[in-house]
N, C-alpha and C. Protein backbone atom coordinates (compact mmCIF):
# COMPACT_ATOMS: atom_id res chain seq x y z
N MET A 1 298.03 100.60 247.26
CA MET A 1 297.99 100.52 248.70
C MET A 1 298.15 99.07 249.12
N LYS A 2 299.05 98.82 250.02
CA LYS A 2 299.31 97.47 250.50
C LYS A 2 298.47 97.22 251.75
N ILE A 3 297.83 96.05 251.78
CA ILE A 3 297.02 95.69 252.96
C ILE A 3 297.92 94.97 253.95
N THR A 4 297.92 95.44 255.19
CA THR A 4 298.72 94.80 256.22
C THR A 4 297.95 93.63 256.81
N LEU A 5 298.63 92.81 257.61
CA LEU A 5 297.99 91.68 258.26
C LEU A 5 296.83 92.12 259.13
N ASP A 6 296.99 93.25 259.81
CA ASP A 6 295.93 93.76 260.66
C ASP A 6 294.67 94.07 259.84
N LYS A 7 294.88 94.67 258.69
CA LYS A 7 293.76 95.00 257.82
C LYS A 7 293.14 93.73 257.24
N ASP A 8 293.98 92.71 256.94
CA ASP A 8 293.46 91.44 256.46
C ASP A 8 292.51 90.82 257.49
N LYS A 9 292.89 90.91 258.76
CA LYS A 9 292.02 90.38 259.81
C LYS A 9 290.68 91.11 259.83
N LYS A 10 290.71 92.43 259.65
CA LYS A 10 289.48 93.18 259.61
C LYS A 10 288.64 92.79 258.40
N MET A 11 289.32 92.59 257.27
CA MET A 11 288.62 92.20 256.04
C MET A 11 287.99 90.81 256.20
N GLU A 12 288.63 89.95 256.97
CA GLU A 12 288.08 88.60 257.22
C GLU A 12 286.75 88.69 257.96
N SER A 13 286.54 89.78 258.68
CA SER A 13 285.28 89.92 259.43
C SER A 13 284.12 90.39 258.53
N VAL A 14 284.41 90.77 257.30
CA VAL A 14 283.37 91.18 256.35
C VAL A 14 282.77 89.90 255.77
N LYS A 15 281.49 89.69 256.01
CA LYS A 15 280.84 88.42 255.68
C LYS A 15 279.92 88.52 254.45
N VAL A 16 279.68 87.39 253.85
CA VAL A 16 278.78 87.29 252.70
C VAL A 16 277.41 87.86 253.04
N LYS A 17 276.90 87.55 254.24
CA LYS A 17 275.55 87.99 254.61
C LYS A 17 275.37 89.50 254.60
N ASP A 18 276.50 90.23 254.68
CA ASP A 18 276.43 91.69 254.68
C ASP A 18 276.30 92.28 253.27
N TYR A 19 276.58 91.48 252.24
CA TYR A 19 276.59 92.00 250.87
C TYR A 19 275.80 91.17 249.87
N MET A 20 275.30 90.04 250.28
CA MET A 20 274.57 89.15 249.35
C MET A 20 273.23 89.73 248.92
N ILE A 21 272.70 89.18 247.87
CA ILE A 21 271.37 89.54 247.38
C ILE A 21 270.39 88.53 247.97
N TYR A 22 269.49 89.04 248.79
CA TYR A 22 268.47 88.18 249.38
C TYR A 22 267.31 88.09 248.39
N GLN A 23 266.62 86.98 248.39
CA GLN A 23 265.47 86.74 247.52
C GLN A 23 265.77 86.94 246.03
N PRO A 24 266.79 86.25 245.52
CA PRO A 24 267.08 86.36 244.09
C PRO A 24 266.08 85.52 243.29
N VAL A 25 266.14 85.69 241.98
CA VAL A 25 265.37 84.82 241.10
C VAL A 25 265.91 83.41 241.28
N THR A 26 265.02 82.45 241.43
CA THR A 26 265.39 81.03 241.49
C THR A 26 264.44 80.27 240.58
N PHE A 27 264.81 79.05 240.27
CA PHE A 27 263.97 78.24 239.38
C PHE A 27 263.76 76.84 239.90
N ALA A 28 262.60 76.29 239.58
CA ALA A 28 262.36 74.86 239.76
C ALA A 28 262.93 74.16 238.54
N PRO A 29 263.31 72.91 238.68
CA PRO A 29 263.90 72.21 237.54
C PRO A 29 262.97 72.07 236.34
N ASP A 30 261.67 72.09 236.57
CA ASP A 30 260.72 71.90 235.46
C ASP A 30 260.29 73.21 234.80
N THR A 31 260.91 74.32 235.17
CA THR A 31 260.61 75.61 234.53
C THR A 31 261.08 75.54 233.08
N LEU A 32 260.25 76.03 232.17
CA LEU A 32 260.66 76.09 230.77
C LEU A 32 261.79 77.09 230.62
N LEU A 33 262.76 76.74 229.79
CA LEU A 33 263.94 77.57 229.60
C LEU A 33 263.57 78.98 229.12
N ALA A 34 262.63 79.08 228.20
CA ALA A 34 262.23 80.39 227.69
C ALA A 34 261.67 81.28 228.82
N GLN A 35 260.92 80.68 229.74
CA GLN A 35 260.40 81.43 230.89
C GLN A 35 261.54 81.85 231.82
N ALA A 36 262.49 80.97 232.00
CA ALA A 36 263.63 81.27 232.85
C ALA A 36 264.44 82.44 232.28
N VAL A 37 264.67 82.42 230.99
CA VAL A 37 265.42 83.50 230.35
C VAL A 37 264.70 84.83 230.53
N THR A 38 263.42 84.85 230.30
CA THR A 38 262.63 86.08 230.47
C THR A 38 262.74 86.59 231.91
N LYS A 39 262.64 85.70 232.85
CA LYS A 39 262.72 86.08 234.26
C LYS A 39 264.11 86.62 234.61
N LEU A 40 265.17 85.97 234.10
CA LEU A 40 266.53 86.45 234.34
C LEU A 40 266.73 87.85 233.74
N LEU A 41 266.27 88.02 232.51
CA LEU A 41 266.43 89.32 231.84
C LEU A 41 265.66 90.43 232.58
N ASN A 42 264.44 90.14 232.98
CA ASN A 42 263.65 91.14 233.71
C ASN A 42 264.28 91.51 235.04
N ALA A 43 264.90 90.55 235.68
CA ALA A 43 265.53 90.78 236.99
C ALA A 43 266.96 91.33 236.86
N LYS A 44 267.47 91.36 235.61
CA LYS A 44 268.86 91.77 235.37
C LYS A 44 269.83 90.93 236.21
N GLN A 45 269.56 89.65 236.22
CA GLN A 45 270.37 88.70 236.97
C GLN A 45 271.02 87.75 235.95
N ILE A 46 272.32 87.49 236.08
CA ILE A 46 273.04 86.73 235.05
C ILE A 46 273.03 85.21 235.29
N GLY A 47 272.43 84.80 236.36
CA GLY A 47 272.32 83.37 236.65
C GLY A 47 271.47 83.18 237.88
N ALA A 48 271.03 81.93 238.10
CA ALA A 48 270.15 81.67 239.22
C ALA A 48 270.27 80.24 239.74
N PRO A 49 270.08 80.08 241.03
CA PRO A 49 270.05 78.73 241.60
C PRO A 49 268.79 78.00 241.14
N VAL A 50 268.93 76.70 240.98
CA VAL A 50 267.79 75.83 240.73
C VAL A 50 267.56 75.08 242.03
N ILE A 51 266.32 75.17 242.54
CA ILE A 51 266.04 74.64 243.87
C ILE A 51 264.81 73.73 243.84
N ASP A 52 264.68 72.92 244.88
CA ASP A 52 263.47 72.13 245.04
C ASP A 52 262.49 72.90 245.93
N LEU A 53 261.39 72.28 246.28
CA LEU A 53 260.35 72.96 247.07
C LEU A 53 260.82 73.34 248.47
N LYS A 54 261.90 72.71 248.95
CA LYS A 54 262.42 73.00 250.29
C LYS A 54 263.65 73.93 250.25
N ASN A 55 263.89 74.54 249.09
CA ASN A 55 265.03 75.44 248.88
C ASN A 55 266.39 74.75 248.89
N ASN A 56 266.41 73.44 248.68
CA ASN A 56 267.68 72.73 248.54
C ASN A 56 268.26 73.04 247.17
N LEU A 57 269.56 73.22 247.11
CA LEU A 57 270.25 73.56 245.87
C LEU A 57 270.38 72.29 245.00
N LEU A 58 269.79 72.36 243.81
CA LEU A 58 269.87 71.25 242.86
C LEU A 58 270.84 71.52 241.72
N GLY A 59 271.00 72.80 241.39
CA GLY A 59 271.86 73.16 240.28
C GLY A 59 271.91 74.66 240.13
N PHE A 60 272.48 75.08 239.00
CA PHE A 60 272.59 76.50 238.70
C PHE A 60 272.50 76.68 237.20
N ILE A 61 271.83 77.75 236.79
CA ILE A 61 271.70 78.05 235.37
C ILE A 61 272.17 79.48 235.13
N SER A 62 273.04 79.64 234.13
CA SER A 62 273.57 80.96 233.81
C SER A 62 273.09 81.42 232.45
N GLU A 63 273.32 82.68 232.16
CA GLU A 63 272.99 83.20 230.84
C GLU A 63 273.69 82.39 229.75
N GLN A 64 274.93 82.02 230.01
CA GLN A 64 275.70 81.25 229.02
C GLN A 64 275.05 79.90 228.77
N ASP A 65 274.61 79.24 229.83
CA ASP A 65 273.90 77.95 229.67
C ASP A 65 272.65 78.16 228.83
N CYS A 66 271.90 79.19 229.15
CA CYS A 66 270.65 79.49 228.44
C CYS A 66 270.91 79.77 226.97
N LEU A 67 271.91 80.58 226.70
CA LEU A 67 272.22 80.96 225.32
C LEU A 67 272.55 79.73 224.48
N SER A 68 273.36 78.87 225.03
CA SER A 68 273.75 77.65 224.31
C SER A 68 272.53 76.80 223.96
N PHE A 69 271.66 76.55 224.92
CA PHE A 69 270.50 75.71 224.68
C PHE A 69 269.44 76.41 223.83
N MET A 70 269.28 77.71 224.00
CA MET A 70 268.30 78.43 223.18
C MET A 70 268.74 78.50 221.72
N LEU A 71 270.04 78.59 221.49
CA LEU A 71 270.56 78.56 220.13
C LEU A 71 270.24 77.23 219.46
N LYS A 72 270.48 76.14 220.18
CA LYS A 72 270.11 74.81 219.66
C LYS A 72 268.61 74.71 219.42
N GLY A 73 267.83 75.25 220.37
CA GLY A 73 266.37 75.22 220.25
C GLY A 73 265.87 76.01 219.05
N ALA A 74 266.55 77.12 218.76
CA ALA A 74 266.15 77.94 217.62
C ALA A 74 266.36 77.19 216.30
N TYR A 75 267.44 76.44 216.23
CA TYR A 75 267.72 75.67 215.01
C TYR A 75 266.72 74.53 214.82
N HIS A 76 266.29 73.97 215.94
CA HIS A 76 265.42 72.79 215.87
C HIS A 76 263.96 73.10 216.23
N CYS A 77 263.65 74.39 216.38
CA CYS A 77 262.29 74.82 216.73
C CYS A 77 261.79 74.10 217.99
N ASP A 78 262.67 73.93 218.95
CA ASP A 78 262.33 73.24 220.20
C ASP A 78 262.32 74.26 221.34
N MET A 79 261.15 74.62 221.80
CA MET A 79 261.04 75.58 222.89
C MET A 79 260.52 74.90 224.17
N MET A 80 260.63 73.60 224.24
CA MET A 80 260.14 72.85 225.39
C MET A 80 261.25 72.43 226.36
N THR A 81 262.45 72.93 226.12
CA THR A 81 263.58 72.62 227.01
C THR A 81 263.28 73.16 228.40
N GLN A 82 263.59 72.35 229.40
CA GLN A 82 263.40 72.74 230.80
C GLN A 82 264.75 73.11 231.41
N VAL A 83 264.68 73.86 232.48
CA VAL A 83 265.87 74.27 233.21
C VAL A 83 266.72 73.05 233.59
N ALA A 84 266.09 71.97 234.00
CA ALA A 84 266.82 70.76 234.41
C ALA A 84 267.66 70.19 233.27
N ASP A 85 267.26 70.46 232.03
CA ASP A 85 268.00 69.93 230.88
C ASP A 85 269.33 70.64 230.66
N CYS A 86 269.44 71.85 231.15
CA CYS A 86 270.67 72.61 230.86
C CYS A 86 271.37 73.18 232.09
N MET A 87 270.85 72.93 233.27
CA MET A 87 271.51 73.45 234.49
C MET A 87 272.78 72.67 234.76
N ARG A 88 273.70 73.33 235.43
CA ARG A 88 274.90 72.66 235.91
C ARG A 88 274.58 72.07 237.28
N LYS A 89 275.01 70.83 237.49
CA LYS A 89 274.71 70.17 238.77
C LYS A 89 275.87 70.23 239.75
N ASP A 90 277.07 70.45 239.23
CA ASP A 90 278.25 70.55 240.10
C ASP A 90 278.47 72.03 240.43
N VAL A 91 277.75 72.49 241.44
CA VAL A 91 277.67 73.92 241.73
C VAL A 91 278.50 74.28 242.95
N LEU A 92 279.33 75.30 242.78
CA LEU A 92 280.01 75.90 243.93
C LEU A 92 278.99 76.76 244.66
N SER A 93 279.05 76.77 245.97
CA SER A 93 278.20 77.66 246.76
C SER A 93 279.02 78.17 247.94
N VAL A 94 278.50 79.22 248.56
CA VAL A 94 279.15 79.78 249.74
C VAL A 94 278.13 79.87 250.86
N ASN A 95 278.65 79.99 252.07
CA ASN A 95 277.80 80.12 253.24
C ASN A 95 277.64 81.58 253.62
N VAL A 96 276.55 81.92 254.26
CA VAL A 96 276.29 83.30 254.67
C VAL A 96 277.40 83.84 255.57
N ASN A 97 278.08 82.97 256.30
CA ASN A 97 279.11 83.40 257.24
C ASN A 97 280.53 83.33 256.68
N ASP A 98 280.66 82.97 255.39
CA ASP A 98 281.98 82.98 254.77
C ASP A 98 282.46 84.42 254.64
N SER A 99 283.77 84.61 254.67
CA SER A 99 284.32 85.96 254.50
C SER A 99 284.31 86.35 253.03
N ILE A 100 284.18 87.62 252.80
CA ILE A 100 284.22 88.16 251.44
C ILE A 100 285.57 87.83 250.79
N LEU A 101 286.65 87.85 251.57
CA LEU A 101 287.96 87.50 251.01
C LEU A 101 287.99 86.06 250.48
N ALA A 102 287.40 85.14 251.22
CA ALA A 102 287.35 83.75 250.78
C ALA A 102 286.55 83.62 249.49
N VAL A 103 285.45 84.36 249.41
CA VAL A 103 284.62 84.33 248.20
C VAL A 103 285.38 84.92 247.03
N ALA A 104 286.11 86.02 247.27
CA ALA A 104 286.91 86.65 246.21
C ALA A 104 287.95 85.66 245.69
N GLU A 105 288.58 84.93 246.60
CA GLU A 105 289.58 83.92 246.18
C GLU A 105 288.93 82.84 245.36
N THR A 106 287.75 82.39 245.76
CA THR A 106 287.02 81.37 245.00
C THR A 106 286.68 81.88 243.61
N MET A 107 286.24 83.13 243.56
CA MET A 107 285.84 83.71 242.27
C MET A 107 287.02 83.91 241.33
N THR A 108 288.20 84.18 241.87
CA THR A 108 289.35 84.35 240.99
C THR A 108 289.92 83.00 240.56
N ALA A 109 289.81 82.00 241.40
CA ALA A 109 290.32 80.69 241.06
C ALA A 109 289.38 79.90 240.13
N GLN A 110 288.10 79.95 240.40
CA GLN A 110 287.12 79.14 239.66
C GLN A 110 286.41 79.92 238.56
N LYS A 111 286.43 81.23 238.61
CA LYS A 111 285.81 82.12 237.63
C LYS A 111 284.29 82.19 237.63
N PRO A 112 283.57 81.79 238.67
CA PRO A 112 282.12 82.01 238.63
C PRO A 112 281.81 83.49 238.82
N LYS A 113 280.76 83.95 238.17
CA LYS A 113 280.35 85.34 238.31
C LYS A 113 279.28 85.50 239.37
N VAL A 114 278.58 84.41 239.65
CA VAL A 114 277.51 84.40 240.65
C VAL A 114 277.63 83.09 241.44
N LEU A 115 277.46 83.19 242.75
CA LEU A 115 277.46 82.00 243.59
C LEU A 115 276.20 81.96 244.43
N PRO A 116 275.57 80.79 244.53
CA PRO A 116 274.45 80.65 245.46
C PRO A 116 274.98 80.77 246.90
N VAL A 117 274.18 81.35 247.75
CA VAL A 117 274.51 81.46 249.17
C VAL A 117 273.57 80.54 249.93
N VAL A 118 274.16 79.68 250.76
CA VAL A 118 273.36 78.71 251.51
C VAL A 118 273.54 78.91 253.01
N GLU A 119 272.50 78.51 253.72
CA GLU A 119 272.54 78.46 255.19
C GLU A 119 271.72 77.24 255.60
N ASP A 120 272.33 76.38 256.39
CA ASP A 120 271.68 75.13 256.78
C ASP A 120 271.21 74.35 255.56
N ASP A 121 272.06 74.29 254.53
CA ASP A 121 271.81 73.56 253.29
C ASP A 121 270.64 74.11 252.46
N LYS A 122 270.16 75.29 252.77
CA LYS A 122 269.06 75.92 252.03
C LYS A 122 269.58 77.17 251.31
N VAL A 123 269.12 77.38 250.08
CA VAL A 123 269.50 78.58 249.34
C VAL A 123 268.78 79.79 249.97
N VAL A 124 269.58 80.78 250.34
CA VAL A 124 269.01 81.99 250.95
C VAL A 124 269.33 83.24 250.15
N GLY A 125 270.13 83.09 249.09
CA GLY A 125 270.48 84.24 248.27
C GLY A 125 271.57 83.91 247.27
N ILE A 126 272.11 84.96 246.67
CA ILE A 126 273.25 84.84 245.77
C ILE A 126 274.23 85.95 246.08
N ILE A 127 275.46 85.78 245.63
CA ILE A 127 276.43 86.88 245.69
C ILE A 127 277.16 86.90 244.34
N THR A 128 277.31 88.10 243.81
CA THR A 128 277.96 88.26 242.51
C THR A 128 279.32 88.92 242.68
N ARG A 129 280.08 88.92 241.60
CA ARG A 129 281.38 89.60 241.62
C ARG A 129 281.20 91.07 242.00
N SER A 130 280.13 91.67 241.52
CA SER A 130 279.90 93.10 241.82
C SER A 130 279.77 93.34 243.32
N GLU A 131 279.01 92.49 244.01
CA GLU A 131 278.87 92.65 245.46
C GLU A 131 280.20 92.43 246.18
N VAL A 132 280.97 91.45 245.70
CA VAL A 132 282.28 91.19 246.31
C VAL A 132 283.21 92.38 246.11
N LEU A 133 283.25 92.89 244.89
CA LEU A 133 284.08 94.08 244.61
C LEU A 133 283.63 95.28 245.44
N SER A 134 282.34 95.45 245.56
CA SER A 134 281.81 96.55 246.35
C SER A 134 282.24 96.43 247.81
N ALA A 135 282.16 95.24 248.35
CA ALA A 135 282.55 95.02 249.74
C ALA A 135 284.04 95.33 249.95
N ILE A 136 284.88 94.84 249.06
CA ILE A 136 286.32 95.07 249.19
C ILE A 136 286.64 96.55 249.02
N CYS A 137 286.02 97.19 248.03
CA CYS A 137 286.25 98.61 247.77
C CYS A 137 285.82 99.45 248.97
N LYS A 138 284.65 99.15 249.51
CA LYS A 138 284.14 99.88 250.68
C LYS A 138 285.08 99.73 251.86
N HIS A 139 285.56 98.51 252.08
CA HIS A 139 286.46 98.25 253.20
C HIS A 139 287.78 98.98 253.01
N LEU A 140 288.35 98.92 251.80
CA LEU A 140 289.62 99.57 251.54
C LEU A 140 289.49 101.09 251.65
N SER A 141 288.37 101.64 251.19
CA SER A 141 288.14 103.09 251.31
C SER A 141 288.07 103.51 252.77
N ALA A 142 287.39 102.71 253.57
CA ALA A 142 287.28 103.01 255.01
C ALA A 142 288.66 102.93 255.66
N GLU A 143 289.45 101.94 255.27
CA GLU A 143 290.80 101.80 255.85
C GLU A 143 291.69 102.97 255.45
N GLU A 144 291.53 103.40 254.19
CA GLU A 144 292.33 104.53 253.70
C GLU A 144 291.98 105.80 254.47
N LYS A 145 290.71 106.02 254.74
CA LYS A 145 290.28 107.19 255.51
C LYS A 145 290.83 107.16 256.94
N HIS A 146 290.85 105.94 257.53
CA HIS A 146 291.39 105.82 258.88
C HIS A 146 292.88 106.06 258.92
N ALA A 147 293.57 105.76 257.81
CA ALA A 147 295.03 105.93 257.76
C ALA A 147 295.41 107.39 257.66
N LEU A 148 294.51 108.24 257.18
CA LEU A 148 294.81 109.67 257.00
C LEU A 148 294.77 110.43 258.26
């Protein structure tokens, strides 16, 4: 199914705030990595923003980051690694009012699976590829029904 310009305009009105995960797992930089991993696994979340006490975005930690550092820790019997030691500091983020299409383009170009969502420079949630796909699928299904 080909999306026309008119449908693209409608898709532009679908915003991050409509599909994001509010109140995701987040971490302080001094959280022990082992605790962070347990929390991510329990929440079934593949990554999380690292924030300060005012919810400012400091970094991001993913399962891949954790795996790499935990593997090193297992070899050296070091379980005192903190989130700050392995988080990425150059973090892409999106705004609550960004369009889902813009986020989808970012995700295909940069390959992140999870992006922090910010509003007024504060972390307010996350959005994953699954939520973006869900939003696009829901919109396309609705458009297809209207076309019939």
